[in-house]
Amino acid sequence: MPRPDAPSGRTGRPPVTDRARILAAARRIIERDGWEKLTVRRLAADLGIGTTTLYHHVRDREDLLVQLINEVAETTLHLDLPEAPRDRVIAAATAIHDALAALPWAAEILITDGFLGRLGEPALRMVEVIVAGAVECGCTPEQAVDVFRSVWYYLVGEILVRVHSVRRQAGNVRPADDEAFFGDDLDMSQIPHLAALGDRWEELAARDTFPQGIEAFVDGLLARATR
């Protein structure tokens, strides 16, 4: 009796194990449903592969997100840096800020200590620029690390506040038109400057003051360190 033909193999979409395609699929999920919905299991299903296969390329969900951040850094963090070390510190900090502002979920991933060791070379070059610039301005290596960490906390904090403000506004979580910005039960004589601002507070707080703020912040950090 003739032996039946062997199966010709899996039909349909072939397994995708290329890093670029994996990251592209992850970006699509984030753009469509938000980064909170991105899981290894869901990504594997979208790609038509098993989770075991995907784990050959990513350790876990956090590693997947860090790889996405590194990919963005590879394509965006290329700067013609100014000559003055102080200006290089500001340019690098601004570049990091703008890259993260385009991926607001990334700031939430990178707020834990130890993230530095997981970044790729393009992102680390920006860290190097800040540390080297601080040293050239007269900081010790220890002070230069303090400058970077302070700048990092400032720019990440600014991004996170704005992200959560946008989410709140998108959910219409804001005072009604006939409500005062400050509660009616407050003694406004104890906060006269805030009382004078009144409902203008939200308008003023929504302005983008990062460019001026980072310059003033870096100048203050360098001046204090080299005093």
N, C-alpha and C. Protein backbone atom coordinates (compact mmCIF):
# COMPACT_ATOMS: atom_id res chain seq x y z
N MET A 1 0.86 -1.20 0.00
CA MET A 1 0.00 0.00 0.00
C MET A 1 0.89 1.24 0.00
N PRO A 2 0.68 2.17 -0.92
CA PRO A 2 1.55 3.34 -0.98
C PRO A 2 1.41 4.21 0.26
N ARG A 3 2.55 4.73 0.68
CA ARG A 3 2.56 5.59 1.86
C ARG A 3 2.00 6.95 1.54
N PRO A 4 1.11 7.46 2.38
CA PRO A 4 0.54 8.78 2.07
C PRO A 4 1.63 9.85 2.08
N ASP A 5 1.39 10.88 1.29
CA ASP A 5 2.36 11.99 1.23
C ASP A 5 2.54 12.60 2.61
N ALA A 6 3.77 12.98 2.91
CA ALA A 6 4.06 13.67 4.17
C ALA A 6 3.42 15.05 4.15
N PRO A 7 3.04 15.56 5.31
CA PRO A 7 2.45 16.90 5.35
C PRO A 7 3.39 17.92 4.73
N SER A 8 2.84 18.82 3.99
CA SER A 8 3.66 19.81 3.28
C SER A 8 4.12 20.93 4.18
N GLY A 9 3.70 20.92 5.46
CA GLY A 9 4.10 21.98 6.38
C GLY A 9 2.95 22.88 6.72
N ARG A 10 3.23 23.81 7.63
CA ARG A 10 2.18 24.72 8.10
C ARG A 10 1.75 25.65 6.99
N THR A 11 0.45 25.81 6.84
CA THR A 11 -0.07 26.72 5.83
C THR A 11 -0.39 28.06 6.47
N GLY A 12 -0.64 29.03 5.61
CA GLY A 12 -0.98 30.35 6.13
C GLY A 12 0.26 31.18 6.39
N ARG A 13 0.11 32.17 7.28
CA ARG A 13 1.19 33.11 7.56
C ARG A 13 2.38 32.40 8.19
N PRO A 14 3.59 32.58 7.64
CA PRO A 14 4.76 31.90 8.21
C PRO A 14 5.16 32.55 9.52
N PRO A 15 5.85 31.78 10.37
CA PRO A 15 6.32 32.36 11.62
C PRO A 15 7.22 33.56 11.38
N VAL A 16 7.06 34.58 12.18
CA VAL A 16 7.86 35.78 12.05
C VAL A 16 8.76 35.89 13.27
N THR A 17 10.05 35.85 13.04
CA THR A 17 10.97 35.93 14.17
C THR A 17 12.00 37.03 13.98
N ASP A 18 11.81 37.86 12.97
CA ASP A 18 12.73 38.96 12.71
C ASP A 18 12.48 40.07 13.73
N ARG A 19 13.57 40.61 14.32
CA ARG A 19 13.43 41.61 15.38
C ARG A 19 12.65 42.83 14.90
N ALA A 20 12.95 43.31 13.69
CA ALA A 20 12.27 44.51 13.19
C ALA A 20 10.77 44.29 13.08
N ARG A 21 10.36 43.10 12.63
CA ARG A 21 8.93 42.82 12.48
C ARG A 21 8.27 42.63 13.84
N ILE A 22 8.99 42.05 14.77
CA ILE A 22 8.45 41.89 16.12
C ILE A 22 8.18 43.26 16.74
N LEU A 23 9.15 44.18 16.62
CA LEU A 23 8.99 45.51 17.20
C LEU A 23 7.92 46.30 16.47
N ALA A 24 7.82 46.12 15.16
CA ALA A 24 6.76 46.81 14.40
C ALA A 24 5.39 46.35 14.86
N ALA A 25 5.23 45.05 15.10
CA ALA A 25 3.95 44.54 15.58
C ALA A 25 3.64 45.06 16.97
N ALA A 26 4.67 45.16 17.81
CA ALA A 26 4.47 45.68 19.17
C ALA A 26 4.03 47.14 19.10
N ARG A 27 4.64 47.93 18.20
CA ARG A 27 4.24 49.33 18.06
C ARG A 27 2.78 49.44 17.62
N ARG A 28 2.36 48.57 16.73
CA ARG A 28 0.96 48.62 16.26
C ARG A 28 -0.01 48.38 17.41
N ILE A 29 0.32 47.44 18.29
CA ILE A 29 -0.55 47.17 19.43
C ILE A 29 -0.61 48.39 20.34
N ILE A 30 0.55 49.00 20.60
CA ILE A 30 0.59 50.17 21.47
C ILE A 30 -0.20 51.33 20.87
N GLU A 31 0.00 51.58 19.58
CA GLU A 31 -0.69 52.68 18.93
C GLU A 31 -2.20 52.46 18.88
N ARG A 32 -2.59 51.21 18.77
CA ARG A 32 -4.02 50.90 18.65
C ARG A 32 -4.72 50.82 20.00
N ASP A 33 -4.04 50.20 20.98
CA ASP A 33 -4.72 49.89 22.23
C ASP A 33 -4.02 50.42 23.48
N GLY A 34 -2.85 51.01 23.33
CA GLY A 34 -2.12 51.50 24.49
C GLY A 34 -1.07 50.50 24.96
N TRP A 35 -0.01 51.01 25.58
CA TRP A 35 1.10 50.13 25.96
C TRP A 35 0.72 49.16 27.06
N GLU A 36 -0.30 49.51 27.86
CA GLU A 36 -0.72 48.61 28.93
C GLU A 36 -1.26 47.29 28.37
N LYS A 37 -1.77 47.31 27.13
CA LYS A 37 -2.35 46.11 26.53
C LYS A 37 -1.31 45.23 25.85
N LEU A 38 -0.08 45.68 25.78
CA LEU A 38 0.95 44.89 25.12
C LEU A 38 1.46 43.80 26.05
N THR A 39 1.30 42.56 25.66
CA THR A 39 1.83 41.42 26.41
C THR A 39 2.55 40.50 25.42
N VAL A 40 3.43 39.67 25.95
CA VAL A 40 4.14 38.72 25.10
C VAL A 40 3.16 37.78 24.42
N ARG A 41 2.16 37.31 25.18
CA ARG A 41 1.18 36.37 24.62
C ARG A 41 0.38 37.02 23.49
N ARG A 42 -0.04 38.27 23.70
CA ARG A 42 -0.83 38.93 22.65
C ARG A 42 0.03 39.20 21.42
N LEU A 43 1.28 39.61 21.63
CA LEU A 43 2.17 39.88 20.51
C LEU A 43 2.42 38.61 19.71
N ALA A 44 2.65 37.50 20.40
CA ALA A 44 2.86 36.23 19.70
C ALA A 44 1.64 35.86 18.87
N ALA A 45 0.46 36.07 19.42
CA ALA A 45 -0.77 35.76 18.68
C ALA A 45 -0.89 36.62 17.42
N ASP A 46 -0.55 37.92 17.55
CA ASP A 46 -0.62 38.81 16.39
C ASP A 46 0.37 38.39 15.31
N LEU A 47 1.51 37.87 15.71
CA LEU A 47 2.54 37.47 14.77
C LEU A 47 2.30 36.06 14.21
N GLY A 48 1.42 35.32 14.86
CA GLY A 48 1.16 33.96 14.42
C GLY A 48 2.24 32.98 14.80
N ILE A 49 2.91 33.24 15.94
CA ILE A 49 3.95 32.34 16.42
C ILE A 49 3.65 31.98 17.87
N GLY A 50 4.34 30.97 18.37
CA GLY A 50 4.16 30.58 19.76
C GLY A 50 4.94 31.50 20.69
N THR A 51 4.48 31.59 21.92
CA THR A 51 5.17 32.44 22.89
C THR A 51 6.59 31.94 23.14
N THR A 52 6.79 30.62 23.06
CA THR A 52 8.14 30.08 23.26
C THR A 52 9.10 30.61 22.21
N THR A 53 8.64 30.69 20.97
CA THR A 53 9.47 31.24 19.90
C THR A 53 9.79 32.70 20.17
N LEU A 54 8.80 33.46 20.61
CA LEU A 54 9.01 34.87 20.87
C LEU A 54 10.00 35.09 22.02
N TYR A 55 10.00 34.18 22.99
CA TYR A 55 10.92 34.32 24.12
C TYR A 55 12.38 34.13 23.71
N HIS A 56 12.63 33.68 22.50
CA HIS A 56 14.01 33.64 22.01
C HIS A 56 14.52 35.05 21.69
N HIS A 57 13.59 35.98 21.55
CA HIS A 57 13.95 37.34 21.16
C HIS A 57 13.74 38.36 22.28
N VAL A 58 12.82 38.10 23.19
CA VAL A 58 12.56 39.01 24.31
C VAL A 58 12.46 38.20 25.59
N ARG A 59 13.01 38.76 26.67
CA ARG A 59 12.96 38.04 27.95
C ARG A 59 11.58 38.09 28.58
N ASP A 60 10.97 39.28 28.48
CA ASP A 60 9.67 39.49 29.09
C ASP A 60 9.08 40.77 28.51
N ARG A 61 7.94 41.16 29.03
CA ARG A 61 7.27 42.36 28.51
C ARG A 61 8.13 43.60 28.70
N GLU A 62 8.78 43.73 29.85
CA GLU A 62 9.60 44.91 30.10
C GLU A 62 10.77 44.97 29.12
N ASP A 63 11.39 43.83 28.85
CA ASP A 63 12.48 43.79 27.89
C ASP A 63 12.00 44.20 26.50
N LEU A 64 10.80 43.78 26.14
CA LEU A 64 10.22 44.17 24.86
C LEU A 64 10.07 45.68 24.76
N LEU A 65 9.58 46.30 25.84
CA LEU A 65 9.40 47.75 25.84
C LEU A 65 10.74 48.48 25.78
N VAL A 66 11.74 47.95 26.48
CA VAL A 66 13.07 48.58 26.43
C VAL A 66 13.65 48.47 25.02
N GLN A 67 13.43 47.33 24.35
CA GLN A 67 13.89 47.21 22.97
C GLN A 67 13.22 48.23 22.06
N LEU A 68 11.95 48.50 22.31
CA LEU A 68 11.25 49.53 21.54
C LEU A 68 11.87 50.90 21.78
N ILE A 69 12.20 51.19 23.04
CA ILE A 69 12.83 52.47 23.37
C ILE A 69 14.18 52.60 22.68
N ASN A 70 14.96 51.53 22.70
CA ASN A 70 16.27 51.55 22.04
C ASN A 70 16.13 51.76 20.54
N GLU A 71 15.09 51.18 19.96
CA GLU A 71 14.87 51.35 18.52
C GLU A 71 14.58 52.82 18.20
N VAL A 72 13.76 53.45 19.03
CA VAL A 72 13.46 54.87 18.82
C VAL A 72 14.73 55.70 18.97
N ALA A 73 15.55 55.36 19.97
CA ALA A 73 16.80 56.09 20.18
C ALA A 73 17.71 55.97 18.96
N GLU A 74 17.75 54.79 18.36
CA GLU A 74 18.60 54.56 17.19
C GLU A 74 18.20 55.46 16.03
N THR A 75 16.93 55.78 15.92
CA THR A 75 16.44 56.54 14.76
C THR A 75 16.30 58.03 15.03
N THR A 76 16.31 58.44 16.29
CA THR A 76 16.04 59.85 16.58
C THR A 76 17.18 60.60 17.27
N LEU A 77 18.01 59.91 18.04
CA LEU A 77 19.01 60.61 18.84
C LEU A 77 20.32 60.79 18.07
N HIS A 78 20.25 61.61 17.04
CA HIS A 78 21.44 61.96 16.26
C HIS A 78 21.50 63.49 16.22
N LEU A 79 22.52 64.06 16.88
CA LEU A 79 22.56 65.50 17.04
C LEU A 79 23.86 66.09 16.52
N ASP A 80 23.76 67.31 15.97
CA ASP A 80 24.94 68.14 15.76
C ASP A 80 25.11 68.96 17.03
N LEU A 81 26.01 68.53 17.88
CA LEU A 81 26.11 69.13 19.21
C LEU A 81 26.87 70.45 19.17
N PRO A 82 26.45 71.43 19.96
CA PRO A 82 27.17 72.70 20.04
C PRO A 82 28.54 72.53 20.69
N GLU A 83 29.38 73.53 20.56
CA GLU A 83 30.74 73.43 21.08
C GLU A 83 30.80 73.59 22.59
N ALA A 84 30.04 74.54 23.12
CA ALA A 84 30.12 74.83 24.56
C ALA A 84 29.57 73.65 25.36
N PRO A 85 30.31 73.18 26.38
CA PRO A 85 29.84 72.00 27.14
C PRO A 85 28.50 72.22 27.81
N ARG A 86 28.26 73.42 28.32
CA ARG A 86 26.97 73.70 28.95
C ARG A 86 25.84 73.55 27.94
N ASP A 87 26.06 74.03 26.71
CA ASP A 87 25.04 73.93 25.67
C ASP A 87 24.85 72.48 25.23
N ARG A 88 25.91 71.69 25.27
CA ARG A 88 25.78 70.27 24.90
C ARG A 88 24.92 69.53 25.92
N VAL A 89 25.09 69.86 27.20
CA VAL A 89 24.27 69.24 28.24
C VAL A 89 22.79 69.54 27.97
N ILE A 90 22.48 70.78 27.67
CA ILE A 90 21.09 71.18 27.42
C ILE A 90 20.55 70.52 26.15
N ALA A 91 21.38 70.46 25.09
CA ALA A 91 20.94 69.85 23.83
C ALA A 91 20.64 68.37 24.02
N ALA A 92 21.50 67.67 24.76
CA ALA A 92 21.28 66.23 24.98
C ALA A 92 20.05 66.00 25.84
N ALA A 93 19.88 66.80 26.88
CA ALA A 93 18.71 66.65 27.75
C ALA A 93 17.43 66.92 26.96
N THR A 94 17.45 67.91 26.10
CA THR A 94 16.28 68.23 25.28
C THR A 94 15.97 67.11 24.29
N ALA A 95 17.02 66.52 23.71
CA ALA A 95 16.81 65.42 22.77
C ALA A 95 16.17 64.23 23.47
N ILE A 96 16.66 63.90 24.67
CA ILE A 96 16.06 62.79 25.43
C ILE A 96 14.61 63.11 25.75
N HIS A 97 14.36 64.33 26.20
CA HIS A 97 12.99 64.75 26.54
C HIS A 97 12.06 64.62 25.36
N ASP A 98 12.49 65.12 24.20
CA ASP A 98 11.62 65.10 23.03
C ASP A 98 11.35 63.68 22.55
N ALA A 99 12.37 62.81 22.64
CA ALA A 99 12.17 61.41 22.24
C ALA A 99 11.17 60.72 23.15
N LEU A 100 11.28 60.97 24.45
CA LEU A 100 10.35 60.36 25.40
C LEU A 100 8.95 60.97 25.29
N ALA A 101 8.88 62.26 24.99
CA ALA A 101 7.57 62.91 24.86
C ALA A 101 6.78 62.30 23.70
N ALA A 102 7.49 61.82 22.67
CA ALA A 102 6.81 61.17 21.55
C ALA A 102 6.34 59.77 21.92
N LEU A 103 6.94 59.19 22.98
CA LEU A 103 6.55 57.87 23.48
C LEU A 103 6.30 57.99 24.98
N PRO A 104 5.21 58.60 25.38
CA PRO A 104 5.01 58.89 26.81
C PRO A 104 5.05 57.65 27.70
N TRP A 105 4.69 56.49 27.17
CA TRP A 105 4.75 55.27 27.97
C TRP A 105 6.19 54.92 28.33
N ALA A 106 7.14 55.37 27.50
CA ALA A 106 8.54 55.02 27.75
C ALA A 106 9.04 55.60 29.06
N ALA A 107 8.58 56.80 29.41
CA ALA A 107 9.02 57.42 30.66
C ALA A 107 8.62 56.57 31.85
N GLU A 108 7.46 55.95 31.79
CA GLU A 108 7.00 55.13 32.90
C GLU A 108 7.82 53.84 33.02
N ILE A 109 8.37 53.36 31.91
CA ILE A 109 9.20 52.17 31.95
C ILE A 109 10.57 52.47 32.54
N LEU A 110 11.07 53.67 32.31
CA LEU A 110 12.45 54.00 32.66
C LEU A 110 12.59 54.73 33.99
N ILE A 111 11.55 54.72 34.82
CA ILE A 111 11.65 55.45 36.09
C ILE A 111 12.31 54.64 37.18
N THR A 112 12.60 53.36 36.94
CA THR A 112 13.21 52.54 37.97
C THR A 112 14.72 52.61 37.86
N ASP A 113 15.42 52.53 39.00
CA ASP A 113 16.86 52.50 39.00
C ASP A 113 17.35 51.24 38.28
N GLY A 114 18.49 51.36 37.64
CA GLY A 114 19.04 50.23 36.91
C GLY A 114 18.69 50.22 35.45
N PHE A 115 17.88 51.21 35.00
CA PHE A 115 17.47 51.22 33.60
C PHE A 115 18.66 51.49 32.68
N LEU A 116 19.68 52.20 33.19
CA LEU A 116 20.78 52.65 32.35
C LEU A 116 21.48 51.47 31.67
N GLY A 117 21.65 50.37 32.40
CA GLY A 117 22.34 49.23 31.86
C GLY A 117 21.59 48.51 30.76
N ARG A 118 20.33 48.87 30.53
CA ARG A 118 19.51 48.20 29.51
C ARG A 118 19.35 49.04 28.25
N LEU A 119 19.92 50.25 28.28
CA LEU A 119 19.81 51.13 27.11
C LEU A 119 20.89 50.78 26.09
N GLY A 120 20.59 51.03 24.82
CA GLY A 120 21.54 50.81 23.74
C GLY A 120 22.49 51.99 23.59
N GLU A 121 23.41 51.85 22.65
CA GLU A 121 24.46 52.86 22.47
C GLU A 121 23.93 54.24 22.13
N PRO A 122 22.94 54.41 21.23
CA PRO A 122 22.48 55.77 20.91
C PRO A 122 21.96 56.52 22.14
N ALA A 123 21.18 55.84 22.98
CA ALA A 123 20.69 56.50 24.19
C ALA A 123 21.82 56.78 25.17
N LEU A 124 22.74 55.85 25.29
CA LEU A 124 23.86 56.04 26.22
C LEU A 124 24.78 57.16 25.76
N ARG A 125 24.83 57.41 24.45
CA ARG A 125 25.64 58.54 23.98
C ARG A 125 25.11 59.86 24.53
N MET A 126 23.80 59.98 24.65
CA MET A 126 23.23 61.20 25.20
C MET A 126 23.58 61.34 26.69
N VAL A 127 23.58 60.21 27.40
CA VAL A 127 24.01 60.24 28.80
C VAL A 127 25.47 60.64 28.89
N GLU A 128 26.28 60.09 28.00
CA GLU A 128 27.70 60.43 27.95
C GLU A 128 27.91 61.93 27.70
N VAL A 129 27.12 62.49 26.80
CA VAL A 129 27.24 63.92 26.49
C VAL A 129 26.97 64.76 27.73
N ILE A 130 25.94 64.39 28.50
CA ILE A 130 25.60 65.16 29.70
C ILE A 130 26.70 65.03 30.74
N VAL A 131 27.17 63.82 31.00
CA VAL A 131 28.22 63.62 32.00
C VAL A 131 29.51 64.31 31.57
N ALA A 132 29.90 64.12 30.31
CA ALA A 132 31.14 64.74 29.82
C ALA A 132 31.04 66.26 29.84
N GLY A 133 29.88 66.79 29.46
CA GLY A 133 29.71 68.24 29.48
C GLY A 133 29.83 68.81 30.87
N ALA A 134 29.26 68.10 31.84
CA ALA A 134 29.36 68.55 33.23
C ALA A 134 30.81 68.54 33.71
N VAL A 135 31.55 67.50 33.35
CA VAL A 135 32.97 67.42 33.73
C VAL A 135 33.74 68.57 33.10
N GLU A 136 33.47 68.87 31.82
CA GLU A 136 34.16 69.97 31.15
C GLU A 136 33.81 71.32 31.77
N CYS A 137 32.65 71.40 32.39
CA CYS A 137 32.26 72.64 33.07
C CYS A 137 32.90 72.77 34.45
N GLY A 138 33.65 71.76 34.88
CA GLY A 138 34.34 71.83 36.16
C GLY A 138 33.83 70.90 37.22
N CYS A 139 32.86 70.04 36.89
CA CYS A 139 32.34 69.09 37.87
C CYS A 139 33.31 67.92 38.04
N THR A 140 33.31 67.35 39.22
CA THR A 140 33.98 66.07 39.41
C THR A 140 33.11 64.99 38.76
N PRO A 141 33.68 63.80 38.51
CA PRO A 141 32.84 62.72 37.95
C PRO A 141 31.61 62.44 38.82
N GLU A 142 31.78 62.48 40.14
CA GLU A 142 30.64 62.24 41.03
C GLU A 142 29.59 63.33 40.87
N GLN A 143 30.03 64.59 40.77
CA GLN A 143 29.09 65.69 40.58
C GLN A 143 28.41 65.59 39.22
N ALA A 144 29.14 65.12 38.21
CA ALA A 144 28.57 64.98 36.87
C ALA A 144 27.44 63.95 36.88
N VAL A 145 27.62 62.87 37.63
CA VAL A 145 26.54 61.88 37.76
C VAL A 145 25.33 62.52 38.43
N ASP A 146 25.58 63.33 39.46
CA ASP A 146 24.47 64.02 40.13
C ASP A 146 23.74 64.95 39.17
N VAL A 147 24.51 65.63 38.30
CA VAL A 147 23.89 66.51 37.31
C VAL A 147 22.98 65.70 36.39
N PHE A 148 23.48 64.57 35.90
CA PHE A 148 22.65 63.75 35.01
C PHE A 148 21.39 63.29 35.72
N ARG A 149 21.54 62.74 36.92
CA ARG A 149 20.37 62.20 37.62
C ARG A 149 19.34 63.30 37.89
N SER A 150 19.80 64.48 38.25
CA SER A 150 18.87 65.58 38.50
C SER A 150 18.15 65.99 37.22
N VAL A 151 18.90 66.09 36.13
CA VAL A 151 18.29 66.41 34.83
C VAL A 151 17.29 65.34 34.44
N TRP A 152 17.66 64.07 34.65
CA TRP A 152 16.78 62.95 34.31
C TRP A 152 15.47 63.02 35.09
N TYR A 153 15.57 63.25 36.40
CA TYR A 153 14.35 63.32 37.21
C TYR A 153 13.47 64.49 36.76
N TYR A 154 14.09 65.59 36.40
CA TYR A 154 13.32 66.77 35.97
C TYR A 154 12.56 66.49 34.67
N LEU A 155 13.26 65.96 33.67
CA LEU A 155 12.60 65.79 32.38
C LEU A 155 11.58 64.65 32.39
N VAL A 156 11.88 63.56 33.12
CA VAL A 156 10.90 62.48 33.22
C VAL A 156 9.67 62.93 34.00
N GLY A 157 9.90 63.65 35.09
CA GLY A 157 8.78 64.15 35.88
C GLY A 157 7.88 65.05 35.06
N GLU A 158 8.49 65.92 34.25
CA GLU A 158 7.71 66.83 33.41
C GLU A 158 6.84 66.06 32.42
N ILE A 159 7.42 65.01 31.83
CA ILE A 159 6.68 64.21 30.86
C ILE A 159 5.53 63.47 31.54
N LEU A 160 5.81 62.85 32.68
CA LEU A 160 4.77 62.07 33.37
C LEU A 160 3.60 62.95 33.80
N VAL A 161 3.89 64.14 34.29
CA VAL A 161 2.83 65.05 34.70
C VAL A 161 1.95 65.40 33.49
N ARG A 162 2.58 65.67 32.35
CA ARG A 162 1.82 66.04 31.16
C ARG A 162 1.01 64.86 30.63
N VAL A 163 1.61 63.67 30.68
CA VAL A 163 0.88 62.48 30.21
C VAL A 163 -0.38 62.26 31.03
N HIS A 164 -0.25 62.34 32.35
CA HIS A 164 -1.40 62.11 33.20
C HIS A 164 -2.42 63.24 33.07
N SER A 165 -1.96 64.46 32.81
CA SER A 165 -2.88 65.57 32.60
C SER A 165 -3.70 65.35 31.33
N VAL A 166 -3.03 64.87 30.27
CA VAL A 166 -3.74 64.61 29.02
C VAL A 166 -4.77 63.50 29.22
N ARG A 167 -4.39 62.46 29.96
CA ARG A 167 -5.34 61.37 30.23
C ARG A 167 -6.54 61.88 31.00
N ARG A 168 -6.28 62.74 31.98
CA ARG A 168 -7.37 63.26 32.79
C ARG A 168 -8.33 64.09 31.93
N GLN A 169 -7.74 64.93 31.04
CA GLN A 169 -8.57 65.75 30.17
C GLN A 169 -9.34 64.90 29.17
N ALA A 170 -8.69 63.83 28.68
CA ALA A 170 -9.36 62.95 27.73
C ALA A 170 -10.55 62.25 28.38
N GLY A 171 -10.44 62.00 29.69
CA GLY A 171 -11.53 61.37 30.41
C GLY A 171 -12.52 62.36 30.98
N ASN A 172 -12.35 63.63 30.57
CA ASN A 172 -13.24 64.70 31.04
C ASN A 172 -13.27 64.80 32.56
N VAL A 173 -12.13 64.50 33.19
CA VAL A 173 -12.05 64.64 34.64
C VAL A 173 -11.54 66.05 34.94
N ARG A 174 -12.43 67.00 34.95
CA ARG A 174 -12.07 68.39 35.19
C ARG A 174 -13.28 69.09 35.81
N PRO A 175 -13.03 70.22 36.46
CA PRO A 175 -14.14 70.91 37.10
C PRO A 175 -15.21 71.32 36.09
N ALA A 176 -16.45 71.30 36.52
CA ALA A 176 -17.53 71.77 35.66
C ALA A 176 -17.39 73.27 35.45
N ASP A 177 -18.07 73.78 34.40
CA ASP A 177 -17.92 75.18 34.05
C ASP A 177 -18.30 76.12 35.18
N ASP A 178 -19.25 75.70 36.01
CA ASP A 178 -19.70 76.59 37.07
C ASP A 178 -18.97 76.33 38.39
N GLU A 179 -17.94 75.47 38.37
CA GLU A 179 -17.17 75.19 39.57
C GLU A 179 -15.92 76.05 39.59
N ALA A 180 -15.56 76.52 40.75
CA ALA A 180 -14.30 77.24 40.90
C ALA A 180 -13.17 76.23 40.87
N PHE A 181 -12.00 76.67 40.37
CA PHE A 181 -10.84 75.77 40.32
C PHE A 181 -10.44 75.36 41.73
N PHE A 182 -10.46 76.34 42.66
CA PHE A 182 -10.19 76.04 44.06
C PHE A 182 -11.52 75.82 44.78
N GLY A 183 -11.51 74.89 45.71
CA GLY A 183 -12.74 74.53 46.40
C GLY A 183 -13.37 75.68 47.16
N ASP A 184 -14.70 75.65 47.26
CA ASP A 184 -15.42 76.72 47.96
C ASP A 184 -15.16 76.72 49.46
N ASP A 185 -14.66 75.60 49.99
CA ASP A 185 -14.47 75.52 51.43
C ASP A 185 -13.12 76.07 51.89
N LEU A 186 -12.33 76.61 50.96
CA LEU A 186 -11.02 77.15 51.33
C LEU A 186 -11.13 78.59 51.81
N ASP A 187 -10.26 78.96 52.74
CA ASP A 187 -10.14 80.35 53.17
C ASP A 187 -9.14 81.02 52.23
N MET A 188 -9.65 81.71 51.21
CA MET A 188 -8.79 82.25 50.18
C MET A 188 -7.88 83.36 50.68
N SER A 189 -8.19 83.91 51.86
CA SER A 189 -7.30 84.95 52.41
C SER A 189 -5.96 84.37 52.82
N GLN A 190 -5.90 83.04 53.00
CA GLN A 190 -4.64 82.39 53.37
C GLN A 190 -3.77 82.08 52.16
N ILE A 191 -4.35 82.15 50.97
CA ILE A 191 -3.58 81.89 49.74
C ILE A 191 -3.90 82.99 48.73
N PRO A 192 -3.55 84.24 49.05
CA PRO A 192 -3.98 85.37 48.23
C PRO A 192 -3.45 85.35 46.80
N HIS A 193 -2.21 84.89 46.60
CA HIS A 193 -1.67 84.87 45.24
C HIS A 193 -2.39 83.83 44.37
N LEU A 194 -2.68 82.70 44.96
CA LEU A 194 -3.44 81.69 44.22
C LEU A 194 -4.86 82.16 43.96
N ALA A 195 -5.42 82.86 44.92
CA ALA A 195 -6.78 83.39 44.75
C ALA A 195 -6.83 84.39 43.60
N ALA A 196 -5.76 85.21 43.47
CA ALA A 196 -5.72 86.20 42.40
C ALA A 196 -5.61 85.52 41.03
N LEU A 197 -4.92 84.40 40.99
CA LEU A 197 -4.82 83.67 39.72
C LEU A 197 -6.13 82.99 39.35
N GLY A 198 -6.79 82.45 40.37
CA GLY A 198 -8.09 81.83 40.14
C GLY A 198 -8.05 80.75 39.08
N ASP A 199 -9.02 80.79 38.17
CA ASP A 199 -9.15 79.76 37.15
C ASP A 199 -8.07 79.84 36.08
N ARG A 200 -7.23 80.88 36.11
CA ARG A 200 -6.14 80.98 35.12
C ARG A 200 -5.05 79.96 35.39
N TRP A 201 -5.08 79.33 36.57
CA TRP A 201 -4.01 78.39 36.92
C TRP A 201 -3.86 77.29 35.87
N GLU A 202 -4.97 76.69 35.45
CA GLU A 202 -4.91 75.61 34.47
C GLU A 202 -4.32 76.08 33.15
N GLU A 203 -4.74 77.26 32.71
CA GLU A 203 -4.22 77.80 31.45
C GLU A 203 -2.71 78.03 31.54
N LEU A 204 -2.26 78.61 32.64
CA LEU A 204 -0.84 78.90 32.80
C LEU A 204 -0.02 77.62 32.97
N ALA A 205 -0.55 76.67 33.70
CA ALA A 205 0.17 75.42 33.94
C ALA A 205 0.29 74.57 32.69
N ALA A 206 -0.58 74.80 31.70
CA ALA A 206 -0.56 74.01 30.47
C ALA A 206 0.50 74.47 29.48
N ARG A 207 1.14 75.60 29.75
CA ARG A 207 2.15 76.10 28.81
C ARG A 207 3.39 75.20 28.81
N ASP A 208 4.04 75.13 27.67
CA ASP A 208 5.28 74.35 27.55
C ASP A 208 6.45 75.24 27.95
N THR A 209 6.94 75.06 29.15
CA THR A 209 8.06 75.87 29.64
C THR A 209 9.33 75.03 29.77
N PHE A 210 9.34 73.83 29.18
CA PHE A 210 10.52 72.98 29.33
C PHE A 210 11.79 73.63 28.77
N PRO A 211 11.77 74.24 27.59
CA PRO A 211 13.02 74.82 27.06
C PRO A 211 13.65 75.83 28.01
N GLN A 212 12.84 76.73 28.58
CA GLN A 212 13.39 77.70 29.53
C GLN A 212 13.77 77.02 30.84
N GLY A 213 12.94 76.07 31.26
CA GLY A 213 13.18 75.40 32.53
C GLY A 213 14.46 74.59 32.54
N ILE A 214 14.74 73.85 31.46
CA ILE A 214 15.93 73.01 31.44
C ILE A 214 17.19 73.87 31.42
N GLU A 215 17.15 75.02 30.75
CA GLU A 215 18.32 75.91 30.75
C GLU A 215 18.59 76.43 32.15
N ALA A 216 17.56 76.90 32.80
CA ALA A 216 17.73 77.43 34.16
C ALA A 216 18.17 76.34 35.12
N PHE A 217 17.62 75.16 34.96
CA PHE A 217 17.93 74.04 35.85
C PHE A 217 19.38 73.62 35.69
N VAL A 218 19.83 73.46 34.43
CA VAL A 218 21.22 73.06 34.18
C VAL A 218 22.18 74.14 34.68
N ASP A 219 21.87 75.39 34.44
CA ASP A 219 22.74 76.48 34.91
C ASP A 219 22.87 76.44 36.44
N GLY A 220 21.77 76.19 37.11
CA GLY A 220 21.81 76.13 38.57
C GLY A 220 22.61 74.94 39.07
N LEU A 221 22.44 73.78 38.41
CA LEU A 221 23.17 72.59 38.83
C LEU A 221 24.67 72.77 38.64
N LEU A 222 25.07 73.30 37.49
CA LEU A 222 26.49 73.49 37.22
C LEU A 222 27.11 74.54 38.13
N ALA A 223 26.37 75.61 38.38
CA ALA A 223 26.89 76.66 39.23
C ALA A 223 27.09 76.16 40.66
N ARG A 224 26.13 75.38 41.15
CA ARG A 224 26.25 74.86 42.51
C ARG A 224 27.40 73.86 42.63
N ALA A 225 27.55 72.99 41.61
CA ALA A 225 28.59 71.98 41.66
C ALA A 225 29.98 72.55 41.58
N THR A 226 30.13 73.65 40.84
CA THR A 226 31.47 74.21 40.61
C THR A 226 31.74 75.45 41.48
N ARG A 227 30.86 75.74 42.41
CA ARG A 227 31.00 76.94 43.22
C ARG A 227 32.29 76.84 44.05
